[in-house]
Amino acid sequence: MKIVFLDAKTIGDDIDLSGYDRLGEVVKYGFSTTEEARERTRDADVIVLNKVEINEASIGEADHLKLVCVTATGTNNLDKEYLEQRGIAWRNVAGYSTETVTQHTFALLFYLLEKLRYYDDYVKSGRYVEDTTFTHFSNVFHELSGKTWGIIGLGSIGRRVADLAKLFGCRVIYYSTSGKNNSPGYERVDFDTLLRSADIVSVHAPLTEDTQGLMDGEAFSKMKRSAIFLNLGRGPIVVEEDLARALEREEIAAAGLDVLCAEPMRADNPLRRLKDSERLIITPHIAWASVEARTRLMKTIEGQIREFFAEE
């Protein structure tokens, strides 16, 4: 069996992949273009990838290919109709990053809610050394307990965030982007009610026709001026120019993002206009990427390959 990794750099260099070597010949490429993938998959039985588009252009000459494994939950980069025509199976992985994305959601929130950038700068600048009292009150913050947390997309990650928010004393409400999700224990509301009521709005939804551009200027204008917005779902759910304007006009208090419309970030991204880290923090799509989550991910895929060929 030959296993080809098309973009191994997207899962990092620090994850133990030695288990794959016991399955057969393993070839790893850091990144692959469509043209490179066409050549590199020619004699592959299995390909492992994250972002490479899989279609006739990239695997048209892969005559031995039996299985495509995606190191992610989303499979928008797979031409599933073409794979079905060729009789090629595919696998993805769900649930591997629930804990780490939830953790990162709270990390972004507390950074903004408790004004941690301000207080860190205050101490490191030496101003605390010269202060007259033991506590500095110039940039106040509020308790999370008693706040209303609105969740857009109550899937596995959204539910985990909801559970922990409840433990912190929040009232949790949610909006079902599909209109089909009814989750016992939490109050389902319409979109406008969520925007107008929530002190924290966090997005944990997939990118669909219903969610693309959902958070636009109209949506931000309905939020509380004191609200914090978090996007841990997909970048295109947010109209980035509209978010930049909402922050510039102080229509909302702050925003924390781990995903953008184009990744890596482009030079013309309107959010680059905002330099105040107390009001905007952007992390480079790392919420999913703890060592533990990436290890779970790759162990799961290793198991999927073993299971597939054992059944075959």
Protein backbone atom coordinates (compact mmCIF):
# COMPACT_ATOMS: atom_id res chain seq x y z
CA MET A 1 0.00 0.00 0.00
CA LYS A 2 1.23 3.50 -0.80
CA ILE A 3 0.00 6.40 1.32
CA VAL A 4 0.63 9.93 0.08
CA PHE A 5 0.31 13.00 2.29
CA LEU A 6 -0.35 15.97 0.01
CA ASP A 7 -0.08 18.81 2.54
CA ALA A 8 1.52 17.37 5.66
CA LYS A 9 2.62 20.83 6.87
CA THR A 10 -1.03 21.64 7.66
CA ILE A 11 -0.97 19.22 10.59
CA GLY A 12 2.44 20.32 11.92
CA ASP A 13 5.83 18.67 12.27
CA ASP A 14 5.40 17.72 15.93
CA ILE A 15 2.85 14.90 15.59
CA ASP A 16 4.00 11.27 15.65
CA LEU A 17 2.95 9.66 12.36
CA SER A 18 5.09 6.54 12.71
CA GLY A 19 2.00 4.34 12.85
CA TYR A 20 1.39 5.03 9.16
CA ASP A 21 4.77 3.53 8.30
CA ARG A 22 3.51 0.18 9.53
CA LEU A 23 0.69 0.31 7.00
CA GLY A 24 2.86 0.57 3.93
CA GLU A 25 5.04 2.99 1.96
CA VAL A 26 4.49 6.58 3.12
CA VAL A 27 5.41 9.68 1.12
CA LYS A 28 4.90 13.14 2.62
CA TYR A 29 4.75 16.43 0.77
CA GLY A 30 4.57 19.70 2.69
CA PHE A 31 2.15 21.33 0.26
CA SER A 32 0.80 20.44 -3.17
CA THR A 33 -0.78 22.41 -5.98
CA THR A 34 -3.44 20.81 -8.15
CA GLU A 35 -0.85 20.10 -10.82
CA GLU A 36 1.60 18.63 -8.33
CA ALA A 37 -1.14 16.51 -6.78
CA ARG A 38 -1.94 14.99 -10.17
CA GLU A 39 1.62 13.75 -10.47
CA ARG A 40 2.08 12.82 -6.81
CA THR A 41 -1.09 10.71 -6.56
CA ARG A 42 -0.48 8.72 -9.72
CA ASP A 43 0.49 5.50 -7.93
CA ALA A 44 -1.15 6.17 -4.54
CA ASP A 45 -3.60 3.78 -2.89
CA VAL A 46 -4.48 6.30 -0.16
CA ILE A 47 -4.11 10.05 -0.05
CA VAL A 48 -4.21 12.13 3.13
CA LEU A 49 -4.89 15.83 2.78
CA ASN A 50 -6.38 18.90 4.39
CA LYS A 51 -6.93 21.75 1.91
CA VAL A 52 -5.97 20.34 -1.49
CA GLU A 53 -8.93 20.19 -3.88
CA ILE A 54 -9.69 16.62 -4.90
CA ASN A 55 -11.27 16.33 -8.32
CA GLU A 56 -10.50 15.07 -11.80
CA ALA A 57 -7.80 17.70 -12.25
CA SER A 58 -5.87 16.60 -9.15
CA ILE A 59 -6.39 12.80 -9.13
CA GLY A 60 -7.34 12.06 -12.73
CA GLU A 61 -4.31 9.83 -13.21
CA ALA A 62 -4.52 8.06 -9.83
CA ASP A 63 -5.50 4.68 -11.21
CA HIS A 64 -4.81 2.80 -7.95
CA LEU A 65 -6.51 5.25 -5.61
CA LYS A 66 -9.00 3.62 -3.24
CA LEU A 67 -9.34 5.99 -0.28
CA VAL A 68 -9.19 9.75 0.32
CA CYS A 69 -8.74 10.89 3.95
CA VAL A 70 -9.37 14.50 4.95
CA THR A 71 -7.61 15.76 8.08
CA ALA A 72 -10.60 17.93 8.96
CA THR A 73 -14.35 17.84 9.40
CA GLY A 74 -15.22 19.97 6.38
CA THR A 75 -15.18 18.27 2.98
CA ASN A 76 -15.99 21.18 0.65
CA ASN A 77 -12.74 20.50 -1.21
CA LEU A 78 -13.88 17.04 -2.33
CA ASP A 79 -15.70 16.48 -5.61
CA LYS A 80 -17.83 13.72 -4.14
CA GLU A 81 -19.69 13.04 -7.37
CA TYR A 82 -16.41 12.40 -9.16
CA LEU A 83 -15.17 10.17 -6.33
CA GLU A 84 -18.39 8.17 -6.48
CA GLN A 85 -18.07 7.73 -10.24
CA ARG A 86 -14.55 6.40 -9.73
CA GLY A 87 -15.56 4.16 -6.81
CA ILE A 88 -13.14 5.94 -4.50
CA ALA A 89 -14.11 6.10 -0.81
CA TRP A 90 -13.52 9.14 1.38
CA ARG A 91 -13.31 9.76 5.10
CA ASN A 92 -13.26 12.84 7.29
CA VAL A 93 -13.01 13.27 11.07
CA ALA A 94 -15.53 14.91 13.38
CA GLY A 95 -15.33 15.67 17.09
CA TYR A 96 -11.56 15.61 17.46
CA SER A 97 -11.29 19.35 18.25
CA THR A 98 -14.36 19.99 20.39
CA GLU A 99 -12.43 20.50 23.63
CA THR A 100 -9.66 22.64 22.17
CA VAL A 101 -12.01 24.91 20.16
CA THR A 102 -14.14 25.38 23.26
CA GLN A 103 -11.04 26.24 25.28
CA HIS A 104 -9.95 28.77 22.67
CA THR A 105 -13.40 30.34 22.64
CA PHE A 106 -13.06 31.14 26.32
CA ALA A 107 -9.44 32.27 25.87
CA LEU A 108 -10.54 34.89 23.32
CA LEU A 109 -13.45 35.94 25.50
CA PHE A 110 -11.44 36.41 28.69
CA TYR A 111 -8.68 38.28 26.83
CA LEU A 112 -11.28 40.84 25.75
CA LEU A 113 -13.67 40.74 28.71
CA GLU A 114 -11.01 41.23 31.37
CA LYS A 115 -8.94 43.75 29.34
CA LEU A 116 -5.88 41.53 29.71
CA ARG A 117 -3.85 43.32 27.02
CA TYR A 118 -4.30 46.61 28.87
CA TYR A 119 -3.32 45.21 32.27
CA ASP A 120 -0.36 43.29 30.88
CA ASP A 121 0.94 46.45 29.18
CA TYR A 122 0.27 48.47 32.35
CA VAL A 123 2.48 46.23 34.48
CA LYS A 124 5.25 45.66 31.93
CA SER A 125 5.50 49.38 31.16
CA GLY A 126 6.48 50.04 34.77
CA ARG A 127 3.41 52.09 35.61
CA TYR A 128 2.39 49.64 38.35
CA VAL A 129 5.75 50.20 40.07
CA GLU A 130 4.96 53.90 40.30
CA ASP A 131 1.31 53.47 41.37
CA THR A 132 0.01 54.56 44.77
CA THR A 133 -2.53 51.76 45.37
CA PHE A 134 -2.39 47.99 45.11
CA THR A 135 -5.29 47.88 42.62
CA HIS A 136 -5.61 49.74 39.35
CA PHE A 137 -9.19 50.68 38.39
CA SER A 138 -8.75 52.70 35.19
CA ASN A 139 -10.05 50.05 32.79
CA VAL A 140 -12.98 48.27 34.43
CA PHE A 141 -14.31 44.85 33.55
CA HIS A 142 -17.42 42.86 34.47
CA GLU A 143 -18.31 39.38 35.67
CA LEU A 144 -19.32 36.73 33.17
CA SER A 145 -21.91 35.43 35.63
CA GLY A 146 -25.33 36.87 34.90
CA LYS A 147 -24.56 37.66 31.26
CA THR A 148 -26.54 36.30 28.33
CA TRP A 149 -24.46 34.20 25.94
CA GLY A 150 -25.93 33.75 22.46
CA ILE A 151 -24.63 30.83 20.41
CA ILE A 152 -25.02 30.62 16.66
CA GLY A 153 -24.85 26.95 15.75
CA LEU A 154 -25.45 24.53 18.61
CA GLY A 155 -23.55 21.53 17.28
CA SER A 156 -21.05 19.57 19.37
CA ILE A 157 -18.75 22.56 19.90
CA GLY A 158 -21.62 24.98 20.45
CA ARG A 159 -23.15 22.66 23.04
CA ARG A 160 -19.84 22.30 24.87
CA VAL A 161 -19.45 26.09 24.95
CA ALA A 162 -23.04 26.34 26.20
CA ASP A 163 -22.39 23.83 28.99
CA LEU A 164 -19.35 25.73 30.26
CA ALA A 165 -21.00 29.14 29.86
CA LYS A 166 -23.83 27.84 32.04
CA LEU A 167 -21.33 26.76 34.67
CA PHE A 168 -19.98 30.32 34.69
CA GLY A 169 -23.49 31.52 35.49
CA CYS A 170 -24.57 32.64 32.02
CA ARG A 171 -28.04 32.47 30.58
CA VAL A 172 -27.53 30.61 27.30
CA ILE A 173 -29.68 31.15 24.22
CA TYR A 174 -29.06 29.82 20.73
CA TYR A 175 -30.04 30.28 17.10
CA SER A 176 -30.32 27.24 14.85
CA THR A 177 -28.89 28.17 11.47
CA SER A 178 -30.56 25.18 9.83
CA GLY A 179 -33.83 25.70 11.66
CA LYS A 180 -33.81 22.03 12.64
CA ASN A 181 -31.83 21.97 15.88
CA ASN A 182 -33.83 21.66 19.09
CA SER A 183 -31.56 21.15 22.07
CA PRO A 184 -33.17 20.35 25.44
CA GLY A 185 -31.87 22.50 28.26
CA TYR A 186 -31.21 25.61 26.20
CA GLU A 187 -33.54 28.30 24.90
CA ARG A 188 -33.85 28.48 21.13
CA VAL A 189 -34.59 31.99 19.83
CA ASP A 190 -34.82 33.69 16.46
CA PHE A 191 -31.78 35.48 15.04
CA ASP A 192 -32.89 39.03 15.90
CA THR A 193 -33.72 38.09 19.48
CA LEU A 194 -30.29 36.53 19.94
CA LEU A 195 -28.52 39.61 18.56
CA ARG A 196 -30.51 42.07 20.67
CA SER A 197 -30.34 40.03 23.89
CA ALA A 198 -26.83 38.62 24.05
CA ASP A 199 -23.86 40.12 25.86
CA ILE A 200 -21.61 37.58 24.13
CA VAL A 201 -22.34 36.22 20.65
CA SER A 202 -20.23 33.26 19.53
CA VAL A 203 -20.39 31.53 16.16
CA HIS A 204 -19.81 27.76 15.96
CA ALA A 205 -21.72 27.04 12.75
CA PRO A 206 -20.54 25.49 9.47
CA LEU A 207 -20.42 27.51 6.27
CA THR A 208 -23.62 26.96 4.30
CA GLU A 209 -25.91 28.99 2.08
CA ASP A 210 -27.79 29.94 5.25
CA THR A 211 -24.72 31.15 7.14
CA GLN A 212 -22.59 32.84 4.46
CA GLY A 213 -22.57 36.57 5.23
CA LEU A 214 -24.96 36.03 8.15
CA MET A 215 -23.06 38.47 10.37
CA ASP A 216 -23.29 41.62 8.27
CA GLY A 217 -23.75 45.31 9.02
CA GLU A 218 -27.44 44.89 9.80
CA ALA A 219 -26.69 42.09 12.26
CA PHE A 220 -23.97 44.04 14.07
CA SER A 221 -26.23 47.11 14.31
CA LYS A 222 -28.74 45.05 16.31
CA MET A 223 -26.22 43.95 18.92
CA LYS A 224 -25.63 45.67 22.25
CA ARG A 225 -22.93 48.30 22.18
CA SER A 226 -21.37 46.44 25.11
CA ALA A 227 -21.45 43.06 23.35
CA ILE A 228 -18.44 40.89 22.52
CA PHE A 229 -18.52 38.96 19.23
CA LEU A 230 -16.56 35.72 18.71
CA ASN A 231 -16.21 33.72 15.49
CA LEU A 232 -14.90 30.17 15.86
CA GLY A 233 -16.93 28.83 12.92
CA ARG A 234 -15.96 29.81 9.38
CA GLY A 235 -14.60 33.12 8.14
CA PRO A 236 -17.15 33.85 5.39
CA ILE A 237 -19.98 33.78 7.93
CA VAL A 238 -18.80 37.32 8.74
CA VAL A 239 -18.75 40.25 6.33
CA GLU A 240 -15.37 41.53 7.41
CA GLU A 241 -15.79 45.10 6.17
CA ASP A 242 -19.02 45.35 8.13
CA LEU A 243 -17.36 44.02 11.27
CA ALA A 244 -14.51 46.52 10.89
CA ARG A 245 -17.01 49.36 10.59
CA ALA A 246 -19.02 48.12 13.57
CA LEU A 247 -15.87 48.17 15.69
CA GLU A 248 -14.75 51.56 14.35
CA ARG A 249 -18.20 53.05 15.06
CA GLU A 250 -18.29 51.35 18.48
CA GLU A 251 -21.52 49.57 17.60
CA ILE A 252 -20.13 46.59 19.52
CA ALA A 253 -17.49 46.51 22.24
CA ALA A 254 -15.02 43.98 20.90
CA ALA A 255 -14.45 40.97 18.66
CA GLY A 256 -12.33 37.84 18.80
CA LEU A 257 -11.77 35.81 15.63
CA ASP A 258 -9.94 32.60 14.84
CA VAL A 259 -11.14 32.36 11.23
CA LEU A 260 -11.10 34.75 8.28
CA CYS A 261 -12.63 34.83 4.81
CA ALA A 262 -9.22 34.28 3.22
CA GLU A 263 -6.45 32.40 5.03
CA PRO A 264 -3.63 33.25 5.42
CA MET A 265 -4.81 36.82 6.00
CA ARG A 266 -4.60 39.06 2.93
CA ALA A 267 -2.96 42.46 2.90
CA ASP A 268 -6.24 44.15 1.97
CA ASN A 269 -8.28 42.62 4.81
CA PRO A 270 -10.30 45.52 6.28
CA LEU A 271 -9.75 44.26 9.82
CA ARG A 272 -6.10 45.26 9.52
CA ARG A 273 -7.26 48.84 10.00
CA LEU A 274 -7.96 48.11 13.66
CA LYS A 275 -4.84 48.27 15.82
CA ASP A 276 -6.47 48.31 19.26
CA SER A 277 -5.88 44.86 20.73
CA GLU A 278 -8.31 45.58 23.56
CA ARG A 279 -11.11 45.64 20.99
CA LEU A 280 -9.98 43.10 18.42
CA ILE A 281 -7.94 39.93 18.68
CA ILE A 282 -7.38 37.64 15.70
CA THR A 283 -5.62 34.29 16.02
CA PRO A 284 -4.39 32.45 12.89
CA HIS A 285 -6.90 29.55 12.73
CA ILE A 286 -5.33 27.79 15.72
CA ALA A 287 -8.41 26.96 17.81
CA TRP A 288 -8.48 23.38 16.50
CA ALA A 289 -4.77 22.79 16.71
CA SER A 290 -3.74 21.74 20.20
CA VAL A 291 -1.22 18.90 20.25
CA GLU A 292 -3.87 16.62 21.73
CA ALA A 293 -6.45 17.46 19.06
CA ARG A 294 -4.01 16.95 16.19
CA THR A 295 -2.85 13.67 17.70
CA ARG A 296 -6.46 12.46 18.01
CA LEU A 297 -7.09 13.52 14.43
CA MET A 298 -4.19 11.61 12.93
CA LYS A 299 -4.75 8.52 15.09
CA THR A 300 -8.36 8.47 13.90
CA ILE A 301 -7.33 8.63 10.26
CA GLU A 302 -4.75 5.90 10.81
CA GLY A 303 -7.53 3.75 12.24
CA GLN A 304 -9.82 4.58 9.30
CA ILE A 305 -7.20 3.34 6.84
CA ARG A 306 -6.66 0.13 8.80
CA GLU A 307 -10.41 -0.50 9.01
CA PHE A 308 -11.02 0.27 5.34
CA PHE A 309 -8.45 -2.20 4.06
CA ALA A 310 -9.36 -4.83 6.64
CA GLU A 311 -12.94 -4.73 5.37
CA GLU A 312 -11.80 -4.72 1.75
